[in-house]
Amino acid sequence: MNSQEIRYFNSLPSLLRQSYVKINIDNSNLLRIRVEETKINFDEIVEVIGVRDYCILTFSSTLDIQEFAEKANPFFGDLMSQTQEASSLIYSVEYNPQFNLSNMQLNSNSAQPMHTDGHFKEKSPKYLCLYCCEQAKNGGFSQMVFADDVYSYIKSLSLEIAEQLFSEYIEYSRRRPKGGLFKYNKKLFFRRNDGKIGISYNPIMYEIKADKKIEQALTLINYFTNKPSSQTIFRLQPNEMLILDNERVLHGRTSFDRTSRRKLKRLWFAGRNIEENGIKNMLII
């Protein structure tokens, strides 16, 4: 999907395109765990994510991503395909200034708004893993906003709208890789079996439609989640992996130096428990 096809995204306020030079980083509370590749304690990782909703693993040497995926499977669930029409289980998020990748929103040096992954899937991934192979020289900061903070923000403005976001479906339209659109309906918030609030949202869409009050709430959420003051901001270093509870954390990244190379490997895991926020009424056009 190139930038000209992302009508809704391009209509968002310029706040979504914050330059990396405006970002101040405070890593004092950032959770990093140093591990040996051969001694990964997945029970501990799952426990930490259950409490903090994320963790960053710092590996002592270059990670064999395929081997990691196989070891993680019993704890994180099955690997999920990351494309609509193919079976890519390990995806390269890559920008190389020597190649013409800038027309692809994901594989570009432009900022990515806050979102959850796999939004177009009937069931989004539970765990998202991003392994840094190569980092940009300037910018490319990772950003996180937690579901509880989004809910608290909307609740502070209107309890009624906050509760509507658990029950009312939002219509999303997305471009298909080979042309045409597919549309589906999904709720923004859902209550998980563990009692926590889950979130599922991606503004990188051709079109998003909902009740007017819900549309206004989404505009406010875009402002809130893309303000640096709402975010946990950091730079992944080579041989580090960010693991998120994709149902509990929105993530994005700042823009970065267009002359730099940047490469990450991305994994989606289904999780061990099935939650309730699936797609309703998918329509392919």
C-alpha atoms as a PDB file:
ATOM      1  CA  MET A   1       0.000   0.000   0.000  1.00  0.00           C
ATOM      2  CA  ASN A   2       1.593   3.287  -1.035  1.00  0.00           C
ATOM      3  CA  SER A   3       0.986   6.657   0.550  1.00  0.00           C
ATOM      4  CA  GLN A   4      -1.420   7.832  -2.171  1.00  0.00           C
ATOM      5  CA  GLU A   5      -3.772   4.969  -1.363  1.00  0.00           C
ATOM      6  CA  ILE A   6      -3.976   5.751   2.364  1.00  0.00           C
ATOM      7  CA  ARG A   7      -6.715   8.360   2.140  1.00  0.00           C
ATOM      8  CA  TYR A   8      -7.686   8.324   5.810  1.00  0.00           C
ATOM      9  CA  PHE A   9      -4.079   8.376   6.988  1.00  0.00           C
ATOM     10  CA  ASN A  10      -3.201  11.328   4.729  1.00  0.00           C
ATOM     11  CA  SER A  11      -6.174  13.275   6.104  1.00  0.00           C
ATOM     12  CA  LEU A  12      -4.919  13.036   9.699  1.00  0.00           C
ATOM     13  CA  PRO A  13      -3.408  16.106  11.395  1.00  0.00           C
ATOM     14  CA  SER A  14       0.236  16.947  10.820  1.00  0.00           C
ATOM     15  CA  LEU A  15       0.842  15.948  14.442  1.00  0.00           C
ATOM     16  CA  LEU A  16       1.112  12.352  13.179  1.00  0.00           C
ATOM     17  CA  ARG A  17       4.257  13.262  11.275  1.00  0.00           C
ATOM     18  CA  GLN A  18       6.373  14.461  14.201  1.00  0.00           C
ATOM     19  CA  SER A  19      10.031  14.802  13.242  1.00  0.00           C
ATOM     20  CA  TYR A  20      12.560  12.840  15.256  1.00  0.00           C
ATOM     21  CA  VAL A  21      14.406  16.068  16.137  1.00  0.00           C
ATOM     22  CA  LYS A  22      11.472  17.057  18.374  1.00  0.00           C
ATOM     23  CA  ILE A  23      11.587  13.859  20.415  1.00  0.00           C
ATOM     24  CA  ASN A  24      13.008  13.774  23.936  1.00  0.00           C
ATOM     25  CA  ILE A  25      13.798  10.301  25.282  1.00  0.00           C
ATOM     26  CA  ASP A  26      13.573   9.235  28.900  1.00  0.00           C
ATOM     27  CA  ASN A  27      14.591   5.584  29.236  1.00  0.00           C
ATOM     28  CA  SER A  28      14.694   5.591  33.031  1.00  0.00           C
ATOM     29  CA  ASN A  29      11.699   3.248  33.312  1.00  0.00           C
ATOM     30  CA  LEU A  30      12.335   1.211  30.164  1.00  0.00           C
ATOM     31  CA  LEU A  31      12.290  -2.539  30.705  1.00  0.00           C
ATOM     32  CA  ARG A  32      15.243  -4.294  29.063  1.00  0.00           C
ATOM     33  CA  ILE A  33      16.230  -7.901  29.775  1.00  0.00           C
ATOM     34  CA  ARG A  34      19.702  -9.142  28.840  1.00  0.00           C
ATOM     35  CA  VAL A  35      19.673 -12.736  27.617  1.00  0.00           C
ATOM     36  CA  GLU A  36      21.915 -15.352  26.070  1.00  0.00           C
ATOM     37  CA  GLU A  37      20.402 -16.723  22.868  1.00  0.00           C
ATOM     38  CA  THR A  38      20.739 -20.275  24.176  1.00  0.00           C
ATOM     39  CA  LYS A  39      19.236 -19.433  27.588  1.00  0.00           C
ATOM     40  CA  ILE A  40      15.949 -17.658  26.879  1.00  0.00           C
ATOM     41  CA  ASN A  41      13.532 -18.025  29.786  1.00  0.00           C
ATOM     42  CA  PHE A  42      10.196 -17.798  27.966  1.00  0.00           C
ATOM     43  CA  ASP A  43       8.203 -18.394  31.147  1.00  0.00           C
ATOM     44  CA  GLU A  44       9.772 -15.254  32.612  1.00  0.00           C
ATOM     45  CA  ILE A  45       9.153 -13.272  29.411  1.00  0.00           C
ATOM     46  CA  VAL A  46       5.477 -14.237  29.319  1.00  0.00           C
ATOM     47  CA  GLU A  47       5.162 -13.322  33.009  1.00  0.00           C
ATOM     48  CA  VAL A  48       6.817  -9.924  32.486  1.00  0.00           C
ATOM     49  CA  ILE A  49       4.606  -9.112  29.490  1.00  0.00           C
ATOM     50  CA  GLY A  50       1.577 -10.192  31.512  1.00  0.00           C
ATOM     51  CA  VAL A  51       2.443  -7.449  34.024  1.00  0.00           C
ATOM     52  CA  ARG A  52       4.060  -4.740  31.863  1.00  0.00           C
ATOM     53  CA  ASP A  53       2.500  -5.497  28.425  1.00  0.00           C
ATOM     54  CA  TYR A  54       5.944  -5.434  26.790  1.00  0.00           C
ATOM     55  CA  CYS A  55       9.617  -6.201  27.233  1.00  0.00           C
ATOM     56  CA  ILE A  56      12.840  -5.627  25.316  1.00  0.00           C
ATOM     57  CA  LEU A  57      15.300  -8.485  24.998  1.00  0.00           C
ATOM     58  CA  THR A  58      18.952  -7.537  24.529  1.00  0.00           C
ATOM     59  CA  PHE A  59      20.843 -10.453  22.987  1.00  0.00           C
ATOM     60  CA  SER A  60      24.560 -10.998  23.443  1.00  0.00           C
ATOM     61  CA  SER A  61      25.015 -12.008  19.794  1.00  0.00           C
ATOM     62  CA  THR A  62      23.142 -12.034  16.493  1.00  0.00           C
ATOM     63  CA  LEU A  63      19.866 -13.891  16.886  1.00  0.00           C
ATOM     64  CA  ASP A  64      18.805 -16.825  14.718  1.00  0.00           C
ATOM     65  CA  ILE A  65      15.253 -15.585  14.194  1.00  0.00           C
ATOM     66  CA  GLN A  66      13.929 -18.910  12.858  1.00  0.00           C
ATOM     67  CA  GLU A  67      15.294 -20.784  15.864  1.00  0.00           C
ATOM     68  CA  PHE A  68      13.808 -18.162  18.196  1.00  0.00           C
ATOM     69  CA  ALA A  69      10.406 -18.594  16.554  1.00  0.00           C
ATOM     70  CA  GLU A  70      10.504 -22.355  17.037  1.00  0.00           C
ATOM     71  CA  LYS A  71      11.460 -22.036  20.712  1.00  0.00           C
ATOM     72  CA  ALA A  72       8.820 -19.369  21.335  1.00  0.00           C
ATOM     73  CA  ASN A  73       5.972 -21.359  19.776  1.00  0.00           C
ATOM     74  CA  PRO A  74       4.938 -23.330  22.897  1.00  0.00           C
ATOM     75  CA  PHE A  75       4.739 -20.086  24.908  1.00  0.00           C
ATOM     76  CA  PHE A  76       3.492 -17.520  22.365  1.00  0.00           C
ATOM     77  CA  GLY A  77       1.286 -19.738  20.210  1.00  0.00           C
ATOM     78  CA  ASP A  78       1.518 -20.412  16.489  1.00  0.00           C
ATOM     79  CA  LEU A  79       3.208 -18.041  14.060  1.00  0.00           C
ATOM     80  CA  MET A  80       0.684 -16.138  11.938  1.00  0.00           C
ATOM     81  CA  SER A  81       0.865 -15.134   8.290  1.00  0.00           C
ATOM     82  CA  GLN A  82       1.475 -11.401   7.918  1.00  0.00           C
ATOM     83  CA  THR A  83      -0.008 -10.883   4.482  1.00  0.00           C
ATOM     84  CA  GLN A  84      -3.488 -11.196   3.044  1.00  0.00           C
ATOM     85  CA  GLU A  85      -2.675 -13.517   0.170  1.00  0.00           C
ATOM     86  CA  ALA A  86       0.606 -15.208   1.119  1.00  0.00           C
ATOM     87  CA  SER A  87       2.155 -17.097   4.003  1.00  0.00           C
ATOM     88  CA  SER A  88       4.987 -14.821   5.152  1.00  0.00           C
ATOM     89  CA  LEU A  89       5.734 -15.847   8.750  1.00  0.00           C
ATOM     90  CA  ILE A  90       8.954 -13.840   9.171  1.00  0.00           C
ATOM     91  CA  TYR A  91       8.603 -10.419   7.570  1.00  0.00           C
ATOM     92  CA  SER A  92      11.428  -7.978   6.823  1.00  0.00           C
ATOM     93  CA  VAL A  93      10.588  -4.365   7.603  1.00  0.00           C
ATOM     94  CA  GLU A  94      13.374  -2.807   5.578  1.00  0.00           C
ATOM     95  CA  TYR A  95      14.410   0.554   4.175  1.00  0.00           C
ATOM     96  CA  ASN A  96      17.398   0.791   1.858  1.00  0.00           C
ATOM     97  CA  PRO A  97      18.044   4.166   0.170  1.00  0.00           C
ATOM     98  CA  GLN A  98      19.687   2.386  -2.780  1.00  0.00           C
ATOM     99  CA  PHE A  99      16.359   0.796  -3.755  1.00  0.00           C
ATOM    100  CA  ASN A 100      12.995   2.338  -4.547  1.00  0.00           C
ATOM    101  CA  LEU A 101      11.150   1.326  -1.394  1.00  0.00           C
ATOM    102  CA  SER A 102       9.902   4.762  -0.419  1.00  0.00           C
ATOM    103  CA  ASN A 103       6.514   4.224  -2.125  1.00  0.00           C
ATOM    104  CA  MET A 104       5.632   1.593   0.484  1.00  0.00           C
ATOM    105  CA  GLN A 105       4.431   3.121   3.736  1.00  0.00           C
ATOM    106  CA  LEU A 106       5.797   0.327   5.935  1.00  0.00           C
ATOM    107  CA  ASN A 107       9.153   0.043   4.164  1.00  0.00           C
ATOM    108  CA  SER A 108       9.806   3.774   4.036  1.00  0.00           C
ATOM    109  CA  ASN A 109      11.625   6.263   6.237  1.00  0.00           C
ATOM    110  CA  SER A 110       8.413   8.139   7.046  1.00  0.00           C
ATOM    111  CA  ALA A 111       6.714   8.179  10.439  1.00  0.00           C
ATOM    112  CA  GLN A 112       4.229   5.437  11.297  1.00  0.00           C
ATOM    113  CA  PRO A 113       1.157   6.450  13.337  1.00  0.00           C
ATOM    114  CA  MET A 114       0.222   4.541  16.450  1.00  0.00           C
ATOM    115  CA  HIS A 115      -1.537   1.273  15.657  1.00  0.00           C
ATOM    116  CA  THR A 116      -1.919  -2.387  16.499  1.00  0.00           C
ATOM    117  CA  ASP A 117      -0.662  -5.024  14.059  1.00  0.00           C
ATOM    118  CA  GLY A 118      -2.721  -7.452  12.023  1.00  0.00           C
ATOM    119  CA  HIS A 119      -5.829  -5.300  12.254  1.00  0.00           C
ATOM    120  CA  PHE A 120      -7.089  -6.705   8.942  1.00  0.00           C
ATOM    121  CA  LYS A 121      -6.929 -10.265  10.258  1.00  0.00           C
ATOM    122  CA  GLU A 122     -10.097 -11.952  11.485  1.00  0.00           C
ATOM    123  CA  LYS A 123      -8.153 -12.461  14.709  1.00  0.00           C
ATOM    124  CA  SER A 124      -5.216 -10.125  15.278  1.00  0.00           C
ATOM    125  CA  PRO A 125      -1.952 -11.487  16.709  1.00  0.00           C
ATOM    126  CA  LYS A 126      -1.585 -11.616  20.466  1.00  0.00           C
ATOM    127  CA  TYR A 127       2.194 -11.077  20.480  1.00  0.00           C
ATOM    128  CA  LEU A 128       4.250  -8.857  18.191  1.00  0.00           C
ATOM    129  CA  CYS A 129       8.032  -9.330  18.042  1.00  0.00           C
ATOM    130  CA  LEU A 130      10.295  -6.789  16.320  1.00  0.00           C
ATOM    131  CA  TYR A 131      13.967  -7.778  16.089  1.00  0.00           C
ATOM    132  CA  CYS A 132      16.382  -5.003  15.123  1.00  0.00           C
ATOM    133  CA  CYS A 133      19.012  -6.069  12.577  1.00  0.00           C
ATOM    134  CA  GLU A 134      20.134  -2.572  11.595  1.00  0.00           C
ATOM    135  CA  GLN A 135      19.112   0.824  12.972  1.00  0.00           C
ATOM    136  CA  ALA A 136      18.990   4.214  11.232  1.00  0.00           C
ATOM    137  CA  LYS A 137      21.690   6.737  12.092  1.00  0.00           C
ATOM    138  CA  ASN A 138      19.172   9.399  13.125  1.00  0.00           C
ATOM    139  CA  GLY A 139      15.554   8.950  14.173  1.00  0.00           C
ATOM    140  CA  GLY A 140      13.627   5.710  13.824  1.00  0.00           C
ATOM    141  CA  PHE A 141      12.520   5.889  17.461  1.00  0.00           C
ATOM    142  CA  SER A 142      10.013   3.277  18.605  1.00  0.00           C
ATOM    143  CA  GLN A 143       6.870   4.589  20.328  1.00  0.00           C
ATOM    144  CA  MET A 144       4.312   2.842  22.552  1.00  0.00           C
ATOM    145  CA  VAL A 145       0.987   3.915  24.047  1.00  0.00           C
ATOM    146  CA  PHE A 146      -0.905   1.634  26.412  1.00  0.00           C
ATOM    147  CA  ALA A 147      -4.568   0.676  26.047  1.00  0.00           C
ATOM    148  CA  ASP A 148      -5.394   1.706  29.624  1.00  0.00           C
ATOM    149  CA  ASP A 149      -4.106   5.229  28.953  1.00  0.00           C
ATOM    150  CA  VAL A 150      -6.198   5.550  25.786  1.00  0.00           C
ATOM    151  CA  TYR A 151      -9.309   4.369  27.630  1.00  0.00           C
ATOM    152  CA  SER A 152      -8.649   6.693  30.582  1.00  0.00           C
ATOM    153  CA  TYR A 153      -8.231   9.632  28.215  1.00  0.00           C
ATOM    154  CA  ILE A 154     -11.517   9.015  26.384  1.00  0.00           C
ATOM    155  CA  LYS A 155     -13.296   8.227  29.663  1.00  0.00           C
ATOM    156  CA  SER A 156     -12.154  11.574  31.077  1.00  0.00           C
ATOM    157  CA  LEU A 157     -13.871  13.287  28.142  1.00  0.00           C
ATOM    158  CA  SER A 158     -17.010  11.162  27.957  1.00  0.00           C
ATOM    159  CA  LEU A 159     -17.822   7.967  29.851  1.00  0.00           C
ATOM    160  CA  GLU A 160     -20.684   7.361  27.434  1.00  0.00           C
ATOM    161  CA  ILE A 161     -18.434   7.403  24.354  1.00  0.00           C
ATOM    162  CA  ALA A 162     -15.790   5.319  26.129  1.00  0.00           C
ATOM    163  CA  GLU A 163     -18.379   2.606  26.730  1.00  0.00           C
ATOM    164  CA  GLN A 164     -19.721   2.877  23.161  1.00  0.00           C
ATOM    165  CA  LEU A 165     -16.268   2.029  21.878  1.00  0.00           C
ATOM    166  CA  PHE A 166     -16.692  -1.436  23.453  1.00  0.00           C
ATOM    167  CA  SER A 167     -19.988  -2.116  21.697  1.00  0.00           C
ATOM    168  CA  GLU A 168     -20.137  -0.235  18.381  1.00  0.00           C
ATOM    169  CA  TYR A 169     -18.455  -1.507  15.239  1.00  0.00           C
ATOM    170  CA  ILE A 170     -16.228   0.745  13.120  1.00  0.00           C
ATOM    171  CA  GLU A 171     -16.092   0.170   9.351  1.00  0.00           C
ATOM    172  CA  TYR A 172     -12.579   0.001   7.886  1.00  0.00           C
ATOM    173  CA  SER A 173     -11.712   0.036   4.173  1.00  0.00           C
ATOM    174  CA  ARG A 174      -8.282  -1.088   3.042  1.00  0.00           C
ATOM    175  CA  ARG A 175      -6.668  -1.435  -0.379  1.00  0.00           C
ATOM    176  CA  ARG A 176      -5.984  -4.971  -1.590  1.00  0.00           C
ATOM    177  CA  PRO A 177      -2.441  -5.645  -2.883  1.00  0.00           C
ATOM    178  CA  LYS A 178      -3.717  -6.573  -6.352  1.00  0.00           C
ATOM    179  CA  GLY A 179      -6.370  -3.865  -6.567  1.00  0.00           C
ATOM    180  CA  GLY A 180      -9.806  -3.238  -5.147  1.00  0.00           C
ATOM    181  CA  LEU A 181     -10.901  -2.824  -1.538  1.00  0.00           C
ATOM    182  CA  PHE A 182     -11.852  -5.043   1.308  1.00  0.00           C
ATOM    183  CA  LYS A 183     -14.064  -3.755   4.091  1.00  0.00           C
ATOM    184  CA  TYR A 184     -14.658  -5.080   7.572  1.00  0.00           C
ATOM    185  CA  ASN A 185     -16.158  -4.034  10.901  1.00  0.00           C
ATOM    186  CA  LYS A 186     -14.310  -4.140  14.195  1.00  0.00           C
ATOM    187  CA  LYS A 187     -14.697  -2.691  17.682  1.00  0.00           C
ATOM    188  CA  LEU A 188     -11.985  -0.452  19.101  1.00  0.00           C
ATOM    189  CA  PHE A 189     -12.021  -1.695  22.714  1.00  0.00           C
ATOM    190  CA  PHE A 190     -12.826  -5.130  24.079  1.00  0.00           C
ATOM    191  CA  ARG A 191     -12.702  -6.683  27.534  1.00  0.00           C
ATOM    192  CA  ARG A 192     -10.428  -9.691  27.726  1.00  0.00           C
ATOM    193  CA  ASN A 193     -10.916 -12.888  29.640  1.00  0.00           C
ATOM    194  CA  ASP A 194      -8.207 -11.761  32.086  1.00  0.00           C
ATOM    195  CA  GLY A 195     -10.251  -8.635  32.897  1.00  0.00           C
ATOM    196  CA  LYS A 196      -7.937  -6.247  31.072  1.00  0.00           C
ATOM    197  CA  ILE A 197      -8.967  -3.826  28.335  1.00  0.00           C
ATOM    198  CA  GLY A 198      -7.836  -4.740  24.830  1.00  0.00           C
ATOM    199  CA  ILE A 199      -7.522  -2.371  21.878  1.00  0.00           C
ATOM    200  CA  SER A 200      -7.477  -2.937  18.116  1.00  0.00           C
ATOM    201  CA  TYR A 201      -6.857   0.047  15.848  1.00  0.00           C
ATOM    202  CA  ASN A 202      -4.973   1.041  12.713  1.00  0.00           C
ATOM    203  CA  PRO A 203      -5.422   4.442  10.999  1.00  0.00           C
ATOM    204  CA  ILE A 204      -3.350   3.433   7.938  1.00  0.00           C
ATOM    205  CA  MET A 205      -6.552   2.920   5.977  1.00  0.00           C
ATOM    206  CA  TYR A 206      -8.222   4.058   2.793  1.00  0.00           C
ATOM    207  CA  GLU A 207     -11.338   4.981   4.737  1.00  0.00           C
ATOM    208  CA  ILE A 208     -12.814   4.677   8.232  1.00  0.00           C
ATOM    209  CA  LYS A 209     -16.533   5.189   8.924  1.00  0.00           C
ATOM    210  CA  ALA A 210     -18.539   5.167  12.129  1.00  0.00           C
ATOM    211  CA  ASP A 211     -21.188   7.072  14.052  1.00  0.00           C
ATOM    212  CA  LYS A 212     -20.217  10.766  14.145  1.00  0.00           C
ATOM    213  CA  LYS A 213     -19.433  10.671  17.848  1.00  0.00           C
ATOM    214  CA  ILE A 214     -17.209   7.632  17.326  1.00  0.00           C
ATOM    215  CA  GLU A 215     -15.424   9.338  14.417  1.00  0.00           C
ATOM    216  CA  GLN A 216     -14.778  12.346  16.646  1.00  0.00           C
ATOM    217  CA  ALA A 217     -13.437  10.023  19.337  1.00  0.00           C
ATOM    218  CA  LEU A 218     -11.033   8.450  16.811  1.00  0.00           C
ATOM    219  CA  THR A 219      -9.754  11.912  15.875  1.00  0.00           C
ATOM    220  CA  LEU A 220      -9.096  12.626  19.551  1.00  0.00           C
ATOM    221  CA  ILE A 221      -7.408   9.233  19.960  1.00  0.00           C
ATOM    222  CA  ASN A 222      -5.139  10.013  16.999  1.00  0.00           C
ATOM    223  CA  TYR A 223      -4.120  13.277  18.654  1.00  0.00           C
ATOM    224  CA  PHE A 224      -3.608  11.694  22.065  1.00  0.00           C
ATOM    225  CA  THR A 225      -1.648   8.623  20.950  1.00  0.00           C
ATOM    226  CA  ASN A 226       0.634  10.515  18.562  1.00  0.00           C
ATOM    227  CA  LYS A 227       1.682  13.163  21.094  1.00  0.00           C
ATOM    228  CA  PRO A 228       5.171  12.391  22.452  1.00  0.00           C
ATOM    229  CA  SER A 229       3.929  13.232  25.960  1.00  0.00           C
ATOM    230  CA  SER A 230       1.556  10.220  25.760  1.00  0.00           C
ATOM    231  CA  GLN A 231       4.240   7.819  24.587  1.00  0.00           C
ATOM    232  CA  THR A 232       7.045   5.636  25.841  1.00  0.00           C
ATOM    233  CA  ILE A 233       9.841   6.387  23.349  1.00  0.00           C
ATOM    234  CA  PHE A 234      13.124   4.568  22.769  1.00  0.00           C
ATOM    235  CA  ARG A 235      15.515   3.345  20.084  1.00  0.00           C
ATOM    236  CA  LEU A 236      15.915  -0.350  19.485  1.00  0.00           C
ATOM    237  CA  GLN A 237      19.565  -1.237  19.056  1.00  0.00           C
ATOM    238  CA  PRO A 238      20.923  -4.006  16.796  1.00  0.00           C
ATOM    239  CA  ASN A 239      20.344  -7.433  18.394  1.00  0.00           C
ATOM    240  CA  GLU A 240      17.462  -6.145  20.495  1.00  0.00           C
ATOM    241  CA  MET A 241      13.887  -7.401  20.237  1.00  0.00           C
ATOM    242  CA  LEU A 242      10.740  -5.592  21.294  1.00  0.00           C
ATOM    243  CA  ILE A 243       7.928  -7.958  22.323  1.00  0.00           C
ATOM    244  CA  LEU A 244       4.471  -6.411  22.770  1.00  0.00           C
ATOM    245  CA  ASP A 245       1.105  -7.624  23.886  1.00  0.00           C
ATOM    246  CA  ASN A 246      -0.494  -6.500  20.627  1.00  0.00           C
ATOM    247  CA  GLU A 247      -3.925  -6.372  22.289  1.00  0.00           C
ATOM    248  CA  ARG A 248      -2.695  -3.980  24.968  1.00  0.00           C
ATOM    249  CA  VAL A 249      -0.204  -1.662  23.265  1.00  0.00           C
ATOM    250  CA  LEU A 250      -0.352   0.666  20.281  1.00  0.00           C
ATOM    251  CA  HIS A 251       3.007   1.166  18.633  1.00  0.00           C
ATOM    252  CA  GLY A 252       4.579   3.315  15.934  1.00  0.00           C
ATOM    253  CA  ARG A 253       7.859   4.928  14.954  1.00  0.00           C
ATOM    254  CA  THR A 254       9.239   8.339  14.129  1.00  0.00           C
ATOM    255  CA  SER A 255      10.679   9.250  10.760  1.00  0.00           C
ATOM    256  CA  PHE A 256      14.383   8.710  10.197  1.00  0.00           C
ATOM    257  CA  ASP A 257      17.303   9.787   8.022  1.00  0.00           C
ATOM    258  CA  ARG A 258      16.474   8.953   4.394  1.00  0.00           C
ATOM    259  CA  THR A 259      20.127   8.149   3.639  1.00  0.00           C
ATOM    260  CA  SER A 260      20.244   5.409   6.312  1.00  0.00           C
ATOM    261  CA  ARG A 261      19.562   1.719   6.044  1.00  0.00           C
ATOM    262  CA  ARG A 262      17.139   0.264   8.584  1.00  0.00           C
ATOM    263  CA  LYS A 263      16.007  -3.336   8.932  1.00  0.00           C
ATOM    264  CA  LEU A 264      13.848  -5.233  11.415  1.00  0.00           C
ATOM    265  CA  LYS A 265      12.409  -8.742  11.403  1.00  0.00           C
ATOM    266  CA  ARG A 266       8.762  -9.016  12.452  1.00  0.00           C
ATOM    267  CA  LEU A 267       6.939 -12.006  13.924  1.00  0.00           C
ATOM    268  CA  TRP A 268       3.263 -12.404  14.799  1.00  0.00           C
ATOM    269  CA  PHE A 269       2.201 -15.032  17.328  1.00  0.00           C
ATOM    270  CA  ALA A 270      -1.425 -16.061  17.823  1.00  0.00           C
ATOM    271  CA  GLY A 271      -1.199 -16.493  21.611  1.00  0.00           C
ATOM    272  CA  ARG A 272      -2.519 -19.364  23.699  1.00  0.00           C
ATOM    273  CA  ASN A 273      -5.932 -17.895  24.582  1.00  0.00           C
ATOM    274  CA  ILE A 274      -8.650 -16.778  22.185  1.00  0.00           C
ATOM    275  CA  GLU A 275     -10.142 -13.370  22.934  1.00  0.00           C
ATOM    276  CA  GLU A 276     -13.299 -11.874  21.487  1.00  0.00           C
ATOM    277  CA  ASN A 277     -12.320  -9.025  19.155  1.00  0.00           C
ATOM    278  CA  GLY A 278     -12.736 -10.575  15.709  1.00  0.00           C
ATOM    279  CA  ILE A 279     -13.834  -9.119  12.398  1.00  0.00           C
ATOM    280  CA  LYS A 280     -17.520  -8.891  11.539  1.00  0.00           C
ATOM    281  CA  ASN A 281     -18.944  -8.833   7.983  1.00  0.00           C
ATOM    282  CA  MET A 282     -15.819  -8.748   5.807  1.00  0.00           C
ATOM    283  CA  LEU A 283     -16.586  -7.621   2.235  1.00  0.00           C
ATOM    284  CA  ILE A 284     -14.115  -7.826  -0.666  1.00  0.00           C
ATOM    285  CA  ILE A 285     -14.688  -5.451  -3.577  1.00  0.00           C
END
